[in-house]
Amino acid sequence: MAENDELAPYEVFEGTAWEAGLLRSILDDNEIENIQNDRAQLPWNMFPVGSSTIKVFVAQKDFEKALKLVKEFTENMKQSAEFDPEDQTP
């Protein structure tokens, strides 16, 4: 494998700006460099889109480690969405 192949970007997540921001923070904390691509900022999109999609990419060399973190992140987000504090009775 060439050295440049290790730095090739691989998509690991697609979601809202808020979710991508949280995930990127987790990746940063685990010393995994990452970048994002915001579809709402493409030049042909003249009107703001409320639910724009953000993609998060990591280098191929960190792909496996990042996927484990992404899986844990999405599972936690799913559990959080299922939890409704108003359903809890004292």
C-alpha atoms as a PDB file:
ATOM      1  CA  MET A   1       0.000   0.000   0.000  1.00  0.00           C
ATOM      2  CA  ALA A   2       1.381   3.402  -0.935  1.00  0.00           C
ATOM      3  CA  GLU A   3       1.760   6.039   1.763  1.00  0.00           C
ATOM      4  CA  ASN A   4      -0.840   8.240   0.050  1.00  0.00           C
ATOM      5  CA  ASP A   5      -3.388   5.417   0.247  1.00  0.00           C
ATOM      6  CA  GLU A   6      -3.276   5.617   4.054  1.00  0.00           C
ATOM      7  CA  LEU A   7      -4.417   9.224   3.861  1.00  0.00           C
ATOM      8  CA  ALA A   8      -7.275   8.665   1.421  1.00  0.00           C
ATOM      9  CA  PRO A   9     -10.549   9.931   2.936  1.00  0.00           C
ATOM     10  CA  TYR A  10     -13.223   7.375   3.803  1.00  0.00           C
ATOM     11  CA  GLU A  11     -16.768   8.305   4.789  1.00  0.00           C
ATOM     12  CA  VAL A  12     -17.732   7.059   8.248  1.00  0.00           C
ATOM     13  CA  PHE A  13     -20.893   9.044   9.022  1.00  0.00           C
ATOM     14  CA  GLU A  14     -23.716  11.066   7.500  1.00  0.00           C
ATOM     15  CA  GLY A  15     -26.159  13.042   9.604  1.00  0.00           C
ATOM     16  CA  THR A  16     -27.160  16.444  10.915  1.00  0.00           C
ATOM     17  CA  ALA A  17     -24.683  19.218  11.651  1.00  0.00           C
ATOM     18  CA  TRP A  18     -25.278  18.728  15.384  1.00  0.00           C
ATOM     19  CA  GLU A  19     -24.614  14.976  15.222  1.00  0.00           C
ATOM     20  CA  ALA A  20     -21.550  15.467  13.029  1.00  0.00           C
ATOM     21  CA  GLY A  21     -20.179  18.051  15.450  1.00  0.00           C
ATOM     22  CA  LEU A  22     -20.561  15.676  18.396  1.00  0.00           C
ATOM     23  CA  LEU A  23     -18.979  12.807  16.493  1.00  0.00           C
ATOM     24  CA  ARG A  24     -16.086  14.942  15.271  1.00  0.00           C
ATOM     25  CA  SER A  25     -15.386  15.919  18.879  1.00  0.00           C
ATOM     26  CA  ILE A  26     -15.258  12.228  19.854  1.00  0.00           C
ATOM     27  CA  LEU A  27     -12.944  11.463  16.939  1.00  0.00           C
ATOM     28  CA  ASP A  28     -10.694  14.396  17.889  1.00  0.00           C
ATOM     29  CA  ASP A  29     -10.569  13.161  21.504  1.00  0.00           C
ATOM     30  CA  ASN A  30      -9.370   9.794  20.160  1.00  0.00           C
ATOM     31  CA  GLU A  31      -6.714  11.471  17.995  1.00  0.00           C
ATOM     32  CA  ILE A  32      -8.430  10.600  14.731  1.00  0.00           C
ATOM     33  CA  GLU A  33      -8.131  13.392  12.198  1.00  0.00           C
ATOM     34  CA  ASN A  34     -11.384  14.036  10.359  1.00  0.00           C
ATOM     35  CA  ILE A  35     -12.995  16.371   7.891  1.00  0.00           C
ATOM     36  CA  GLN A  36     -16.571  17.136   6.998  1.00  0.00           C
ATOM     37  CA  ASN A  37     -18.466  17.912   3.831  1.00  0.00           C
ATOM     38  CA  ASP A  38     -21.559  20.101   4.181  1.00  0.00           C
ATOM     39  CA  ARG A  39     -23.909  19.594   1.233  1.00  0.00           C
ATOM     40  CA  ALA A  40     -25.852  22.747   2.085  1.00  0.00           C
ATOM     41  CA  GLN A  41     -22.843  24.875   1.143  1.00  0.00           C
ATOM     42  CA  LEU A  42     -22.557  23.604  -2.412  1.00  0.00           C
ATOM     43  CA  PRO A  43     -22.517  26.544  -4.838  1.00  0.00           C
ATOM     44  CA  TRP A  44     -25.699  25.590  -6.682  1.00  0.00           C
ATOM     45  CA  ASN A  45     -27.744  25.504  -3.473  1.00  0.00           C
ATOM     46  CA  MET A  46     -29.101  29.047  -3.371  1.00  0.00           C
ATOM     47  CA  PHE A  47     -31.600  28.515  -0.549  1.00  0.00           C
ATOM     48  CA  PRO A  48     -30.724  27.324   2.959  1.00  0.00           C
ATOM     49  CA  VAL A  49     -31.896  23.837   3.737  1.00  0.00           C
ATOM     50  CA  GLY A  50     -33.075  23.184   7.287  1.00  0.00           C
ATOM     51  CA  SER A  51     -31.966  19.582   7.371  1.00  0.00           C
ATOM     52  CA  SER A  52     -28.700  19.663   5.492  1.00  0.00           C
ATOM     53  CA  THR A  53     -26.610  16.522   5.474  1.00  0.00           C
ATOM     54  CA  ILE A  54     -23.089  16.515   6.833  1.00  0.00           C
ATOM     55  CA  LYS A  55     -20.644  13.757   5.938  1.00  0.00           C
ATOM     56  CA  VAL A  56     -17.649  12.955   8.139  1.00  0.00           C
ATOM     57  CA  PHE A  57     -14.506  11.442   6.635  1.00  0.00           C
ATOM     58  CA  VAL A  58     -11.374   9.935   8.189  1.00  0.00           C
ATOM     59  CA  ALA A  59      -8.105   8.722   6.718  1.00  0.00           C
ATOM     60  CA  GLN A  60      -7.982   5.103   5.595  1.00  0.00           C
ATOM     61  CA  LYS A  61      -5.361   4.383   8.268  1.00  0.00           C
ATOM     62  CA  ASP A  62      -7.898   5.295  11.003  1.00  0.00           C
ATOM     63  CA  PHE A  63     -10.958   3.808   9.314  1.00  0.00           C
ATOM     64  CA  GLU A  64     -11.414   0.692  11.499  1.00  0.00           C
ATOM     65  CA  LYS A  65     -10.879   2.563  14.768  1.00  0.00           C
ATOM     66  CA  ALA A  66     -13.261   5.307  13.633  1.00  0.00           C
ATOM     67  CA  LEU A  67     -15.968   2.806  12.653  1.00  0.00           C
ATOM     68  CA  LYS A  68     -15.972   1.379  16.186  1.00  0.00           C
ATOM     69  CA  LEU A  69     -16.426   4.845  17.643  1.00  0.00           C
ATOM     70  CA  VAL A  70     -19.136   5.709  15.112  1.00  0.00           C
ATOM     71  CA  LYS A  71     -21.014   2.510  15.955  1.00  0.00           C
ATOM     72  CA  GLU A  72     -20.899   3.305  19.675  1.00  0.00           C
ATOM     73  CA  PHE A  73     -21.928   6.906  18.964  1.00  0.00           C
ATOM     74  CA  THR A  74     -24.941   5.922  16.842  1.00  0.00           C
ATOM     75  CA  GLU A  75     -26.069   3.314  19.379  1.00  0.00           C
ATOM     76  CA  ASN A  76     -25.899   5.922  22.150  1.00  0.00           C
ATOM     77  CA  MET A  77     -27.811   8.431  20.020  1.00  0.00           C
ATOM     78  CA  LYS A  78     -30.489   5.822  19.333  1.00  0.00           C
ATOM     79  CA  GLN A  79     -30.843   5.007  23.041  1.00  0.00           C
ATOM     80  CA  SER A  80     -30.993   8.693  23.869  1.00  0.00           C
ATOM     81  CA  ALA A  81     -33.767   9.236  21.314  1.00  0.00           C
ATOM     82  CA  GLU A  82     -35.765   6.346  22.781  1.00  0.00           C
ATOM     83  CA  PHE A  83     -35.503   7.760  26.314  1.00  0.00           C
ATOM     84  CA  ASP A  84     -38.375  10.099  27.161  1.00  0.00           C
ATOM     85  CA  PRO A  85     -37.977  11.708  30.610  1.00  0.00           C
ATOM     86  CA  GLU A  86     -41.694  12.553  30.712  1.00  0.00           C
ATOM     87  CA  ASP A  87     -42.468   8.815  30.696  1.00  0.00           C
ATOM     88  CA  GLN A  88     -40.587   8.378  33.970  1.00  0.00           C
ATOM     89  CA  THR A  89     -42.758   8.356  37.057  1.00  0.00           C
ATOM     90  CA  PRO A  90     -41.259   8.835  40.536  1.00  0.00           C
END
